[in-house]
Amino acid sequence: MSRKPLMAGNWKMHKTIAESVDLVKKLASLTGAPTDREILVCPPFTALAAAAQAAKGTAVQVGGQNMNDNLQGAFTGEVAPGMVKDAGATHVILGHSERRQFYGETDALINKKVRLALEQALTPILCVGETLAERDSAKTFAVVERHLTEGLKGLSASDVARVVIAYEPVWAIGTGKTATPEQAQEIHGFIRRKLEALFGSAAEKVRVLYGGSVKPDNVDALMAQPDIDGGLVGGASLKAEDFARIVLFQAAPTPAR
């Protein structure tokens, strides 16, 4: 069995509705309909439905950037998982470092969101990764292990097989710094081994994405690594030509070990 690469674009707080529709259409035109990889864009909530509509009939899938941990209720300013799905999303990013850093999201809250996303038939993209201070203090593996074990707590092996993991070294997000392919592979391999210890053979089905300043000029080397199954791309996903080049990386899809 091979893990099909997933190239995901996280647009963060960028793009109006019109800009989102235009970007989806350009991306679809530039990438065509590849069958050996998946394409995902995650626009802001305001553009989610319009982007999903624009993506219909193309290979582009649409995801949300976050969701609430409740199905509904008096939570002003929040968006329920059912609303994300209703807008046309198939995936949802959870536990992004910016949510942890700026909005105080805990492992327990993120775990609740992961479980709820699965219940609502959304594919969760669980983000894990260390800050620069944690890396400099040799805490990388401990932090990644905690994010992983706590984020997946209470899930069965069959549940985990439906989850996507994104390793995002926080020190490499939006800084222009990137882990070398070898550094990224080291952590991805660690994640795979930890998943195997926790969930057995289901670990081979889980796609682990790299999410730290992925760009057109480094994607090929990153995707050549055996445990890197795609990218969670930030800034470079905001330009159709750049993201198309990333989607159409030239390293052959890597078979599962």
Protein backbone atom coordinates (compact mmCIF):
# COMPACT_ATOMS: atom_id res chain seq x y z
CA MET A 1 0.00 0.00 0.00
CA SER A 2 1.21 3.50 -0.85
CA ARG A 3 0.18 6.63 0.98
CA LYS A 4 -1.15 9.14 -1.52
CA PRO A 5 0.56 12.51 -0.97
CA LEU A 6 -1.63 15.36 0.25
CA MET A 7 -0.58 18.90 -0.64
CA ALA A 8 -2.59 21.31 1.53
CA GLY A 9 -2.63 25.10 1.45
CA ASN A 10 -3.46 27.01 4.62
CA TRP A 11 -4.46 30.53 3.57
CA LYS A 12 -4.79 31.75 7.16
CA MET A 13 -6.35 35.26 7.38
CA HIS A 14 -5.89 36.07 3.70
CA LYS A 15 -8.11 36.30 0.61
CA THR A 16 -11.57 37.76 0.06
CA ILE A 17 -14.33 35.66 -1.46
CA ALA A 18 -13.54 36.87 -4.98
CA GLU A 19 -9.80 36.33 -4.48
CA SER A 20 -10.41 32.83 -3.11
CA VAL A 21 -12.57 31.84 -6.06
CA ASP A 22 -9.98 33.19 -8.48
CA LEU A 23 -7.16 31.31 -6.75
CA VAL A 24 -9.07 28.02 -6.76
CA LYS A 25 -9.83 28.34 -10.46
CA LYS A 26 -6.24 29.21 -11.35
CA LEU A 27 -4.89 26.37 -9.20
CA ALA A 28 -7.25 23.85 -10.79
CA SER A 29 -6.24 25.01 -14.25
CA LEU A 30 -2.52 24.80 -13.49
CA THR A 31 -2.58 21.41 -11.77
CA GLY A 32 -5.13 19.55 -13.85
CA ALA A 33 -6.53 16.34 -12.36
CA PRO A 34 -3.65 14.30 -10.93
CA THR A 35 -4.63 10.88 -9.60
CA ASP A 36 -1.43 10.16 -7.67
CA ARG A 37 -1.79 13.00 -5.16
CA GLU A 38 -4.49 15.09 -3.47
CA ILE A 39 -4.89 18.86 -3.48
CA LEU A 40 -6.48 20.77 -0.60
CA VAL A 41 -6.97 24.47 0.07
CA CYS A 42 -8.13 25.91 3.38
CA PRO A 43 -9.56 29.41 2.88
CA PRO A 44 -10.95 31.66 5.62
CA PHE A 45 -14.47 30.80 6.79
CA THR A 46 -16.04 33.67 4.86
CA ALA A 47 -14.80 32.21 1.57
CA LEU A 48 -15.26 28.52 2.37
CA ALA A 49 -18.57 27.95 0.57
CA ALA A 50 -17.59 30.01 -2.48
CA ALA A 51 -14.24 28.23 -2.76
CA ALA A 52 -15.94 24.84 -2.47
CA GLN A 53 -18.37 25.81 -5.21
CA ALA A 54 -15.50 26.96 -7.43
CA ALA A 55 -13.68 23.68 -6.80
CA LYS A 56 -16.58 21.48 -7.93
CA GLY A 57 -15.63 19.31 -10.89
CA THR A 58 -11.91 19.82 -10.22
CA ALA A 59 -9.29 17.87 -8.25
CA VAL A 60 -9.16 20.60 -5.60
CA GLN A 61 -10.67 19.81 -2.21
CA VAL A 62 -11.56 22.43 0.40
CA GLY A 63 -11.00 22.40 4.16
CA GLY A 64 -11.59 24.59 7.19
CA GLN A 65 -8.84 26.19 9.26
CA ASN A 66 -10.46 25.46 12.61
CA MET A 67 -13.79 24.58 14.23
CA ASN A 68 -15.44 24.70 17.62
CA ASP A 69 -15.51 21.68 19.93
CA ASN A 70 -19.32 21.75 20.18
CA LEU A 71 -21.98 20.89 17.64
CA GLN A 72 -23.93 24.07 18.34
CA GLY A 73 -24.66 26.54 21.11
CA ALA A 74 -24.12 30.02 22.50
CA PHE A 75 -20.53 30.47 21.33
CA THR A 76 -20.39 33.90 19.71
CA GLY A 77 -17.93 34.16 16.86
CA GLU A 78 -17.33 30.42 16.63
CA VAL A 79 -18.02 28.00 13.78
CA ALA A 80 -19.47 24.53 14.36
CA PRO A 81 -18.09 21.42 12.63
CA GLY A 82 -21.43 20.89 10.90
CA MET A 83 -21.19 24.40 9.47
CA VAL A 84 -17.72 23.71 8.13
CA LYS A 85 -18.98 20.55 6.47
CA ASP A 86 -22.14 22.24 5.20
CA ALA A 87 -20.00 24.90 3.50
CA GLY A 88 -18.35 22.15 1.46
CA ALA A 89 -15.27 21.25 3.47
CA THR A 90 -13.92 17.72 3.60
CA HIS A 91 -11.01 18.43 5.97
CA VAL A 92 -10.29 20.70 8.93
CA ILE A 93 -6.99 21.89 10.39
CA LEU A 94 -6.83 21.42 14.17
CA GLY A 95 -4.23 22.39 16.76
CA HIS A 96 -2.27 24.71 14.49
CA SER A 97 0.60 26.33 16.37
CA GLU A 98 -1.03 29.74 15.97
CA ARG A 99 -4.18 28.44 17.68
CA ARG A 100 -2.06 27.03 20.49
CA GLN A 101 0.11 30.16 20.81
CA PHE A 102 -2.36 33.02 20.35
CA TYR A 103 -5.63 31.46 21.52
CA GLY A 104 -4.43 29.17 24.28
CA GLU A 105 -5.73 25.94 22.78
CA THR A 106 -4.72 22.97 24.93
CA ASP A 107 -4.04 19.37 24.00
CA ALA A 108 -7.29 18.37 25.70
CA LEU A 109 -9.35 20.85 23.68
CA ILE A 110 -7.64 19.84 20.44
CA ASN A 111 -8.28 16.17 21.22
CA LYS A 112 -11.98 16.92 21.69
CA LYS A 113 -12.02 18.67 18.31
CA VAL A 114 -10.26 15.76 16.59
CA ARG A 115 -12.79 13.28 17.94
CA LEU A 116 -15.72 15.52 17.00
CA ALA A 117 -14.37 16.07 13.48
CA LEU A 118 -14.22 12.31 12.95
CA GLU A 119 -17.76 11.92 14.26
CA GLN A 120 -18.88 14.54 11.75
CA ALA A 121 -17.09 12.79 8.85
CA LEU A 122 -14.47 15.51 8.50
CA THR A 123 -10.81 14.56 8.06
CA PRO A 124 -8.83 16.21 10.86
CA ILE A 125 -5.35 17.51 10.13
CA LEU A 126 -3.75 17.42 13.58
CA CYS A 127 -0.80 19.80 13.87
CA VAL A 128 2.17 18.97 16.11
CA GLY A 129 5.51 20.68 16.52
CA GLU A 130 7.99 22.48 18.74
CA THR A 131 8.93 26.13 19.21
CA LEU A 132 12.48 27.40 18.77
CA ALA A 133 12.96 27.56 22.55
CA GLU A 134 11.79 23.95 22.88
CA ARG A 135 14.09 22.85 20.08
CA ASP A 136 17.07 24.68 21.62
CA SER A 137 16.26 22.98 24.94
CA ALA A 138 16.34 19.54 23.27
CA LYS A 139 12.61 19.07 23.92
CA THR A 140 11.57 18.45 20.30
CA PHE A 141 10.78 14.76 20.66
CA ALA A 142 9.03 15.20 24.00
CA VAL A 143 6.82 18.00 22.67
CA VAL A 144 5.93 16.16 19.48
CA GLU A 145 5.18 12.99 21.43
CA ARG A 146 2.91 14.89 23.83
CA HIS A 147 1.01 16.64 21.04
CA LEU A 148 0.60 13.32 19.28
CA THR A 149 -0.44 11.12 22.20
CA GLU A 150 -2.71 13.71 23.80
CA GLY A 151 -4.22 14.80 20.50
CA LEU A 152 -5.12 11.22 19.56
CA LYS A 153 -6.22 10.10 23.03
CA GLY A 154 -9.30 7.90 23.04
CA LEU A 155 -9.12 7.08 19.34
CA SER A 156 -9.16 3.56 17.93
CA ALA A 157 -6.73 2.32 15.29
CA SER A 158 -9.46 2.65 12.65
CA ASP A 159 -10.09 6.24 13.78
CA VAL A 160 -6.41 7.12 13.56
CA ALA A 161 -6.18 5.74 10.03
CA ARG A 162 -8.54 8.58 9.03
CA VAL A 163 -6.42 11.31 10.64
CA VAL A 164 -3.73 13.37 8.90
CA ILE A 165 -0.78 14.55 11.01
CA ALA A 166 1.08 17.76 10.14
CA TYR A 167 4.51 18.27 11.67
CA GLU A 168 5.12 22.00 11.81
CA PRO A 169 8.31 23.15 13.51
CA VAL A 170 7.05 26.48 14.84
CA TRP A 171 10.48 28.06 14.37
CA ALA A 172 10.15 27.47 10.61
CA ILE A 173 6.66 28.91 10.08
CA GLY A 174 6.73 32.20 8.20
CA THR A 175 10.36 32.76 9.11
CA GLY A 176 11.95 31.61 5.90
CA LYS A 177 13.81 28.97 7.92
CA THR A 178 13.17 25.40 6.93
CA ALA A 179 14.18 22.15 8.51
CA THR A 180 16.54 20.32 6.21
CA PRO A 181 14.97 17.29 4.51
CA GLU A 182 17.00 15.10 6.85
CA GLN A 183 15.82 16.99 9.96
CA ALA A 184 12.22 16.78 8.79
CA GLN A 185 12.54 13.06 8.02
CA GLU A 186 13.99 12.41 11.48
CA ILE A 187 10.87 13.80 13.14
CA HIS A 188 8.50 12.24 10.63
CA GLY A 189 10.13 8.87 11.22
CA PHE A 190 9.77 9.38 14.96
CA ILE A 191 6.07 10.21 14.50
CA ARG A 192 5.57 7.06 12.40
CA ARG A 193 7.26 4.87 15.01
CA LYS A 194 5.22 6.43 17.81
CA LEU A 195 1.99 5.88 15.87
CA GLU A 196 3.01 2.27 15.30
CA ALA A 197 3.65 1.77 19.01
CA LEU A 198 0.26 3.24 19.86
CA PHE A 199 -1.92 1.95 17.02
CA GLY A 200 -0.07 -0.88 15.28
CA SER A 201 -0.36 -1.30 11.53
CA ALA A 202 -2.75 1.68 11.24
CA ALA A 203 0.37 3.85 11.44
CA GLU A 204 1.24 2.92 7.86
CA LYS A 205 -2.03 4.46 6.63
CA VAL A 206 -1.56 7.82 8.35
CA ARG A 207 -0.23 10.60 6.16
CA VAL A 208 2.29 12.85 7.90
CA LEU A 209 2.71 16.26 6.27
CA TYR A 210 5.58 18.70 6.69
CA GLY A 211 4.52 22.26 7.48
CA GLY A 212 7.45 24.62 7.84
CA SER A 213 8.07 27.11 5.02
CA VAL A 214 7.49 24.67 2.16
CA LYS A 215 8.39 26.40 -1.10
CA PRO A 216 8.78 25.56 -4.79
CA ASP A 217 12.55 25.33 -4.39
CA ASN A 218 12.58 22.85 -1.49
CA VAL A 219 9.49 20.70 -2.04
CA ASP A 220 11.18 18.10 -4.24
CA ALA A 221 13.86 17.31 -1.66
CA LEU A 222 11.31 17.19 1.15
CA MET A 223 8.96 14.89 -0.75
CA ALA A 224 11.80 12.49 -1.54
CA GLN A 225 11.93 11.52 2.15
CA PRO A 226 10.26 8.17 2.99
CA ASP A 227 8.01 9.40 5.80
CA ILE A 228 6.98 12.79 4.39
CA ASP A 229 3.59 12.34 2.75
CA GLY A 230 2.82 15.89 1.71
CA GLY A 231 2.90 19.47 2.86
CA LEU A 232 0.86 21.94 4.89
CA VAL A 233 1.83 25.07 3.01
CA GLY A 234 1.33 28.63 4.26
CA GLY A 235 2.56 31.67 2.36
CA ALA A 236 3.49 29.80 -0.81
CA SER A 237 -0.10 28.57 -1.18
CA LEU A 238 -1.37 32.14 -1.66
CA LYS A 239 0.03 32.34 -5.20
CA ALA A 240 -1.45 29.92 -7.72
CA GLU A 241 1.79 29.43 -9.66
CA ASP A 242 3.87 28.75 -6.55
CA PHE A 243 1.38 26.37 -5.01
CA ALA A 244 0.85 24.57 -8.33
CA ARG A 245 4.60 23.94 -8.51
CA ILE A 246 4.48 22.55 -4.97
CA VAL A 247 1.49 20.34 -5.79
CA LEU A 248 3.29 19.05 -8.87
CA PHE A 249 6.48 18.21 -6.98
CA GLN A 250 8.86 16.07 -8.99
CA ALA A 251 9.90 13.51 -6.40
CA ALA A 252 8.07 10.24 -6.97
CA PRO A 253 5.40 9.42 -4.36
CA THR A 254 7.10 7.39 -1.65
CA PRO A 255 5.70 3.93 -0.86
CA ALA A 256 4.94 3.10 2.76
CA ARG A 257 7.67 1.23 4.58
